[in-house]
Amino acid sequence: MSTKTRSTLKIVSVLLFAMWILMVQSIIIVPALQPYLFWIVVLSFVLLFIAAR
């Protein structure tokens, strides 16, 4: 996996986690994603794990 791909995965992971934090604190509200908050965090950590390999 190239360095550019790893960097992109890390950025996406951080953005997903930041979105999760903002949604939990009700700073932003996306009703369609509300039921999937747990899976957003899981996806974020999986992407970070893949990028770290």
PDB file of N, CA and C in Angstrom:
ATOM      1  N   MET A   1       0.858  -1.171   0.000  1.00  0.00           N
ATOM      2  CA  MET A   1       0.000   0.000   0.000  1.00  0.00           C
ATOM      3  C   MET A   1       0.905   1.234   0.000  1.00  0.00           C
ATOM      4  N   SER A   2       0.589   2.187  -0.839  1.00  0.00           N
ATOM      5  CA  SER A   2       1.432   3.375  -0.958  1.00  0.00           C
ATOM      6  C   SER A   2       1.213   4.332   0.214  1.00  0.00           C
ATOM      7  N   THR A   3       2.149   5.219   0.377  1.00  0.00           N
ATOM      8  CA  THR A   3       2.082   6.202   1.452  1.00  0.00           C
ATOM      9  C   THR A   3       0.901   7.138   1.273  1.00  0.00           C
ATOM     10  N   LYS A   4       0.610   7.471   0.027  1.00  0.00           N
ATOM     11  CA  LYS A   4      -0.523   8.362  -0.252  1.00  0.00           C
ATOM     12  C   LYS A   4      -1.839   7.716   0.164  1.00  0.00           C
ATOM     13  N   THR A   5      -1.980   6.425  -0.101  1.00  0.00           N
ATOM     14  CA  THR A   5      -3.196   5.707   0.292  1.00  0.00           C
ATOM     15  C   THR A   5      -3.325   5.641   1.806  1.00  0.00           C
ATOM     16  N   ARG A   6      -2.214   5.375   2.477  1.00  0.00           N
ATOM     17  CA  ARG A   6      -2.239   5.322   3.944  1.00  0.00           C
ATOM     18  C   ARG A   6      -2.634   6.672   4.535  1.00  0.00           C
ATOM     19  N   SER A   7      -2.080   7.731   3.984  1.00  0.00           N
ATOM     20  CA  SER A   7      -2.408   9.078   4.463  1.00  0.00           C
ATOM     21  C   SER A   7      -3.888   9.385   4.251  1.00  0.00           C
ATOM     22  N   THR A   8      -4.400   8.999   3.106  1.00  0.00           N
ATOM     23  CA  THR A   8      -5.815   9.232   2.809  1.00  0.00           C
ATOM     24  C   THR A   8      -6.709   8.469   3.785  1.00  0.00           C
ATOM     25  N   LEU A   9      -6.359   7.214   4.068  1.00  0.00           N
ATOM     26  CA  LEU A   9      -7.143   6.421   5.018  1.00  0.00           C
ATOM     27  C   LEU A   9      -7.109   7.032   6.416  1.00  0.00           C
ATOM     28  N   LYS A  10      -5.960   7.535   6.816  1.00  0.00           N
ATOM     29  CA  LYS A  10      -5.844   8.179   8.132  1.00  0.00           C
ATOM     30  C   LYS A  10      -6.695   9.443   8.197  1.00  0.00           C
ATOM     31  N   ILE A  11      -6.682  10.229   7.133  1.00  0.00           N
ATOM     32  CA  ILE A  11      -7.483  11.460   7.107  1.00  0.00           C
ATOM     33  C   ILE A  11      -8.971  11.127   7.180  1.00  0.00           C
ATOM     34  N   VAL A  12      -9.411  10.139   6.419  1.00  0.00           N
ATOM     35  CA  VAL A  12     -10.818   9.732   6.439  1.00  0.00           C
ATOM     36  C   VAL A  12     -11.196   9.236   7.830  1.00  0.00           C
ATOM     37  N   SER A  13     -10.305   8.485   8.452  1.00  0.00           N
ATOM     38  CA  SER A  13     -10.561   7.974   9.797  1.00  0.00           C
ATOM     39  C   SER A  13     -10.723   9.115  10.805  1.00  0.00           C
ATOM     40  N   VAL A  14      -9.843  10.075  10.748  1.00  0.00           N
ATOM     41  CA  VAL A  14      -9.922  11.219  11.670  1.00  0.00           C
ATOM     42  C   VAL A  14     -11.184  12.033  11.421  1.00  0.00           C
ATOM     43  N   LEU A  15     -11.551  12.224  10.160  1.00  0.00           N
ATOM     44  CA  LEU A  15     -12.771  12.969   9.841  1.00  0.00           C
ATOM     45  C   LEU A  15     -14.026  12.238  10.344  1.00  0.00           C
ATOM     46  N   LEU A  16     -14.060  10.918  10.191  1.00  0.00           N
ATOM     47  CA  LEU A  16     -15.195  10.145  10.701  1.00  0.00           C
ATOM     48  C   LEU A  16     -15.296  10.261  12.216  1.00  0.00           C
ATOM     49  N   PHE A  17     -14.152  10.170  12.890  1.00  0.00           N
ATOM     50  CA  PHE A  17     -14.154  10.262  14.349  1.00  0.00           C
ATOM     51  C   PHE A  17     -14.572  11.662  14.809  1.00  0.00           C
ATOM     52  N   ALA A  18     -14.103  12.692  14.109  1.00  0.00           N
ATOM     53  CA  ALA A  18     -14.501  14.066  14.439  1.00  0.00           C
ATOM     54  C   ALA A  18     -16.002  14.256  14.223  1.00  0.00           C
ATOM     55  N   MET A  19     -16.520  13.667  13.139  1.00  0.00           N
ATOM     56  CA  MET A  19     -17.960  13.748  12.888  1.00  0.00           C
ATOM     57  C   MET A  19     -18.733  13.059  14.008  1.00  0.00           C
ATOM     58  N   TRP A  20     -18.224  11.912  14.472  1.00  0.00           N
ATOM     59  CA  TRP A  20     -18.877  11.190  15.571  1.00  0.00           C
ATOM     60  C   TRP A  20     -18.919  12.048  16.831  1.00  0.00           C
ATOM     61  N   ILE A  21     -17.803  12.687  17.163  1.00  0.00           N
ATOM     62  CA  ILE A  21     -17.750  13.541  18.359  1.00  0.00           C
ATOM     63  C   ILE A  21     -18.765  14.672  18.253  1.00  0.00           C
ATOM     64  N   LEU A  22     -18.809  15.324  17.092  1.00  0.00           N
ATOM     65  CA  LEU A  22     -19.739  16.442  16.910  1.00  0.00           C
ATOM     66  C   LEU A  22     -21.198  15.980  16.948  1.00  0.00           C
ATOM     67  N   MET A  23     -21.466  14.776  16.458  1.00  0.00           N
ATOM     68  CA  MET A  23     -22.839  14.266  16.492  1.00  0.00           C
ATOM     69  C   MET A  23     -23.248  13.855  17.904  1.00  0.00           C
ATOM     70  N   VAL A  24     -22.330  13.298  18.669  1.00  0.00           N
ATOM     71  CA  VAL A  24     -22.637  12.908  20.048  1.00  0.00           C
ATOM     72  C   VAL A  24     -22.920  14.139  20.894  1.00  0.00           C
ATOM     73  N   GLN A  25     -22.191  15.209  20.656  1.00  0.00           N
ATOM     74  CA  GLN A  25     -22.391  16.443  21.420  1.00  0.00           C
ATOM     75  C   GLN A  25     -23.509  17.309  20.846  1.00  0.00           C
ATOM     76  N   SER A  26     -24.186  16.817  19.828  1.00  0.00           N
ATOM     77  CA  SER A  26     -25.298  17.516  19.169  1.00  0.00           C
ATOM     78  C   SER A  26     -24.905  18.868  18.592  1.00  0.00           C
ATOM     79  N   ILE A  27     -23.674  18.994  18.179  1.00  0.00           N
ATOM     80  CA  ILE A  27     -23.233  20.212  17.507  1.00  0.00           C
ATOM     81  C   ILE A  27     -23.692  20.169  16.055  1.00  0.00           C
ATOM     82  N   ILE A  28     -23.576  18.997  15.441  1.00  0.00           N
ATOM     83  CA  ILE A  28     -24.173  18.790  14.127  1.00  0.00           C
ATOM     84  C   ILE A  28     -25.165  17.643  14.258  1.00  0.00           C
ATOM     85  N   ILE A  29     -26.212  17.704  13.469  1.00  0.00           N
ATOM     86  CA  ILE A  29     -27.244  16.677  13.527  1.00  0.00           C
ATOM     87  C   ILE A  29     -27.492  16.164  12.113  1.00  0.00           C
ATOM     88  N   VAL A  30     -27.257  14.875  11.929  1.00  0.00           N
ATOM     89  CA  VAL A  30     -27.540  14.213  10.661  1.00  0.00           C
ATOM     90  C   VAL A  30     -28.476  13.056  11.001  1.00  0.00           C
ATOM     91  N   PRO A  31     -29.786  13.273  10.883  1.00  0.00           N
ATOM     92  CA  PRO A  31     -30.740  12.255  11.324  1.00  0.00           C
ATOM     93  C   PRO A  31     -30.560  10.897  10.657  1.00  0.00           C
ATOM     94  N   ALA A  32     -30.132  10.868   9.412  1.00  0.00           N
ATOM     95  CA  ALA A  32     -29.986   9.595   8.711  1.00  0.00           C
ATOM     96  C   ALA A  32     -28.835   8.756   9.277  1.00  0.00           C
ATOM     97  N   LEU A  33     -27.837   9.409   9.885  1.00  0.00           N
ATOM     98  CA  LEU A  33     -26.683   8.685  10.422  1.00  0.00           C
ATOM     99  C   LEU A  33     -26.794   8.410  11.917  1.00  0.00           C
ATOM    100  N   GLN A  34     -27.776   8.952  12.577  1.00  0.00           N
ATOM    101  CA  GLN A  34     -27.921   8.802  14.024  1.00  0.00           C
ATOM    102  C   GLN A  34     -27.943   7.336  14.477  1.00  0.00           C
ATOM    103  N   PRO A  35     -28.662   6.445  13.798  1.00  0.00           N
ATOM    104  CA  PRO A  35     -28.665   5.043  14.261  1.00  0.00           C
ATOM    105  C   PRO A  35     -27.329   4.326  14.063  1.00  0.00           C
ATOM    106  N   TYR A  36     -26.437   4.899  13.283  1.00  0.00           N
ATOM    107  CA  TYR A  36     -25.189   4.225  12.944  1.00  0.00           C
ATOM    108  C   TYR A  36     -23.973   4.831  13.644  1.00  0.00           C
ATOM    109  N   LEU A  37     -24.172   5.543  14.735  1.00  0.00           N
ATOM    110  CA  LEU A  37     -23.048   6.193  15.412  1.00  0.00           C
ATOM    111  C   LEU A  37     -21.984   5.178  15.841  1.00  0.00           C
ATOM    112  N   PHE A  38     -22.405   4.055  16.382  1.00  0.00           N
ATOM    113  CA  PHE A  38     -21.449   3.031  16.800  1.00  0.00           C
ATOM    114  C   PHE A  38     -20.624   2.542  15.612  1.00  0.00           C
ATOM    115  N   TRP A  39     -21.279   2.308  14.488  1.00  0.00           N
ATOM    116  CA  TRP A  39     -20.578   1.772  13.328  1.00  0.00           C
ATOM    117  C   TRP A  39     -19.659   2.798  12.686  1.00  0.00           C
ATOM    118  N   ILE A  40     -19.948   4.075  12.857  1.00  0.00           N
ATOM    119  CA  ILE A  40     -19.048   5.119  12.368  1.00  0.00           C
ATOM    120  C   ILE A  40     -17.712   5.031  13.103  1.00  0.00           C
ATOM    121  N   VAL A  41     -17.774   4.818  14.414  1.00  0.00           N
ATOM    122  CA  VAL A  41     -16.547   4.695  15.208  1.00  0.00           C
ATOM    123  C   VAL A  41     -15.806   3.411  14.847  1.00  0.00           C
ATOM    124  N   VAL A  42     -16.535   2.326  14.675  1.00  0.00           N
ATOM    125  CA  VAL A  42     -15.900   1.061  14.297  1.00  0.00           C
ATOM    126  C   VAL A  42     -15.202   1.210  12.949  1.00  0.00           C
ATOM    127  N   LEU A  43     -15.867   1.802  11.978  1.00  0.00           N
ATOM    128  CA  LEU A  43     -15.268   2.016  10.663  1.00  0.00           C
ATOM    129  C   LEU A  43     -14.021   2.892  10.763  1.00  0.00           C
ATOM    130  N   SER A  44     -14.087   3.913  11.597  1.00  0.00           N
ATOM    131  CA  SER A  44     -12.946   4.798  11.777  1.00  0.00           C
ATOM    132  C   SER A  44     -11.739   4.038  12.312  1.00  0.00           C
ATOM    133  N   PHE A  45     -11.936   3.214  13.318  1.00  0.00           N
ATOM    134  CA  PHE A  45     -10.818   2.464  13.886  1.00  0.00           C
ATOM    135  C   PHE A  45     -10.315   1.374  12.944  1.00  0.00           C
ATOM    136  N   VAL A  46     -11.202   0.769  12.169  1.00  0.00           N
ATOM    137  CA  VAL A  46     -10.769  -0.228  11.193  1.00  0.00           C
ATOM    138  C   VAL A  46      -9.902   0.423  10.119  1.00  0.00           C
ATOM    139  N   LEU A  47     -10.314   1.583   9.641  1.00  0.00           N
ATOM    140  CA  LEU A  47      -9.509   2.291   8.646  1.00  0.00           C
ATOM    141  C   LEU A  47      -8.144   2.681   9.216  1.00  0.00           C
ATOM    142  N   LEU A  48      -8.129   3.118  10.459  1.00  0.00           N
ATOM    143  CA  LEU A  48      -6.864   3.477  11.099  1.00  0.00           C
ATOM    144  C   LEU A  48      -5.975   2.246  11.261  1.00  0.00           C
ATOM    145  N   PHE A  49      -6.570   1.118  11.615  1.00  0.00           N
ATOM    146  CA  PHE A  49      -5.823  -0.124  11.754  1.00  0.00           C
ATOM    147  C   PHE A  49      -5.224  -0.565  10.415  1.00  0.00           C
ATOM    148  N   ILE A  50      -6.013  -0.470   9.360  1.00  0.00           N
ATOM    149  CA  ILE A  50      -5.531  -0.857   8.032  1.00  0.00           C
ATOM    150  C   ILE A  50      -4.396   0.069   7.588  1.00  0.00           C
ATOM    151  N   ALA A  51      -4.541   1.362   7.882  1.00  0.00           N
ATOM    152  CA  ALA A  51      -3.519   2.329   7.472  1.00  0.00           C
ATOM    153  C   ALA A  51      -2.227   2.149   8.270  1.00  0.00           C
ATOM    154  N   ALA A  52      -2.308   1.616   9.472  1.00  0.00           N
ATOM    155  CA  ALA A  52      -1.135   1.460  10.316  1.00  0.00           C
ATOM    156  C   ALA A  52      -0.327   0.212   9.964  1.00  0.00           C
ATOM    157  N   ARG A  53      -0.912  -0.716   9.230  1.00  0.00           N
ATOM    158  CA  ARG A  53      -0.208  -1.960   8.904  1.00  0.00           C
ATOM    159  C   ARG A  53       0.952  -1.766   8.013  1.00  0.00           C
TER     160      ARG A  53
END
